[in-house]
């Protein structure tokens, strides 16, 4: 039964890392996107 907990733990860690990376990327890209929308032209 330990392998079920191990698989769930690894799956949750991968999902959390993926979501965290997406959130971090979205925060970094948001100011760039707002600058490119029309203020630079």
C-alpha atoms as a PDB file:
ATOM      1  CA  UNK A   1       0.000   0.000   0.000  1.00  0.00           C
ATOM      2  CA  UNK A   2       2.946   2.365   0.437  1.00  0.00           C
ATOM      3  CA  UNK A   3       3.262   2.684  -3.339  1.00  0.00           C
ATOM      4  CA  UNK A   4      -0.183   4.303  -3.576  1.00  0.00           C
ATOM      5  CA  UNK A   5       0.898   7.013  -1.159  1.00  0.00           C
ATOM      6  CA  UNK A   6       4.194   7.388  -3.036  1.00  0.00           C
ATOM      7  CA  UNK A   7       2.478   7.759  -6.412  1.00  0.00           C
ATOM      8  CA  UNK A   8      -0.037  10.244  -5.000  1.00  0.00           C
ATOM      9  CA  UNK A   9       2.735  12.222  -3.343  1.00  0.00           C
ATOM     10  CA  UNK A  10       4.809  12.390  -6.506  1.00  0.00           C
ATOM     11  CA  UNK A  11       1.753  13.306  -8.573  1.00  0.00           C
ATOM     12  CA  UNK A  12       0.784  16.099  -6.179  1.00  0.00           C
ATOM     13  CA  UNK A  13       4.358  17.421  -6.127  1.00  0.00           C
ATOM     14  CA  UNK A  14       4.517  17.491  -9.930  1.00  0.00           C
ATOM     15  CA  UNK A  15       1.137  19.211 -10.198  1.00  0.00           C
ATOM     16  CA  UNK A  16       2.063  21.787  -7.565  1.00  0.00           C
ATOM     17  CA  UNK A  17       5.390  22.507  -9.262  1.00  0.00           C
ATOM     18  CA  UNK A  18       3.678  22.878 -12.624  1.00  0.00           C
ATOM     19  CA  UNK A  19       1.031  25.242 -11.274  1.00  0.00           C
ATOM     20  CA  UNK A  20       3.646  27.239  -9.396  1.00  0.00           C
ATOM     21  CA  UNK A  21       5.776  27.597 -12.537  1.00  0.00           C
ATOM     22  CA  UNK A  22       2.763  28.736 -14.574  1.00  0.00           C
ATOM     23  CA  UNK A  23       1.804  31.315 -11.947  1.00  0.00           C
ATOM     24  CA  UNK A  24       5.375  32.626 -11.745  1.00  0.00           C
ATOM     25  CA  UNK A  25       5.592  32.869 -15.532  1.00  0.00           C
ATOM     26  CA  UNK A  26       2.243  34.646 -15.719  1.00  0.00           C
ATOM     27  CA  UNK A  27       3.368  37.210 -13.129  1.00  0.00           C
ATOM     28  CA  UNK A  28       6.610  37.877 -15.003  1.00  0.00           C
ATOM     29  CA  UNK A  29       4.947  38.183 -18.407  1.00  0.00           C
ATOM     30  CA  UNK A  30       2.012  40.364 -17.328  1.00  0.00           C
ATOM     31  CA  UNK A  31       3.917  43.697 -17.249  1.00  0.00           C
ATOM     32  CA  UNK A  32       5.548  42.908 -20.598  1.00  0.00           C
ATOM     33  CA  UNK A  33       2.201  42.159 -22.213  1.00  0.00           C
ATOM     34  CA  UNK A  34       0.646  45.364 -20.909  1.00  0.00           C
ATOM     35  CA  UNK A  35       3.598  47.370 -22.217  1.00  0.00           C
ATOM     36  CA  UNK A  36       3.308  45.807 -25.679  1.00  0.00           C
ATOM     37  CA  UNK A  37      -0.450  46.391 -26.025  1.00  0.00           C
ATOM     38  CA  UNK A  38      -0.223  49.912 -27.302  1.00  0.00           C
ATOM     39  CA  UNK A  39       1.907  52.089 -25.073  1.00  0.00           C
ATOM     40  CA  UNK A  40       5.106  51.370 -27.016  1.00  0.00           C
ATOM     41  CA  UNK A  41       3.661  52.444 -30.386  1.00  0.00           C
END
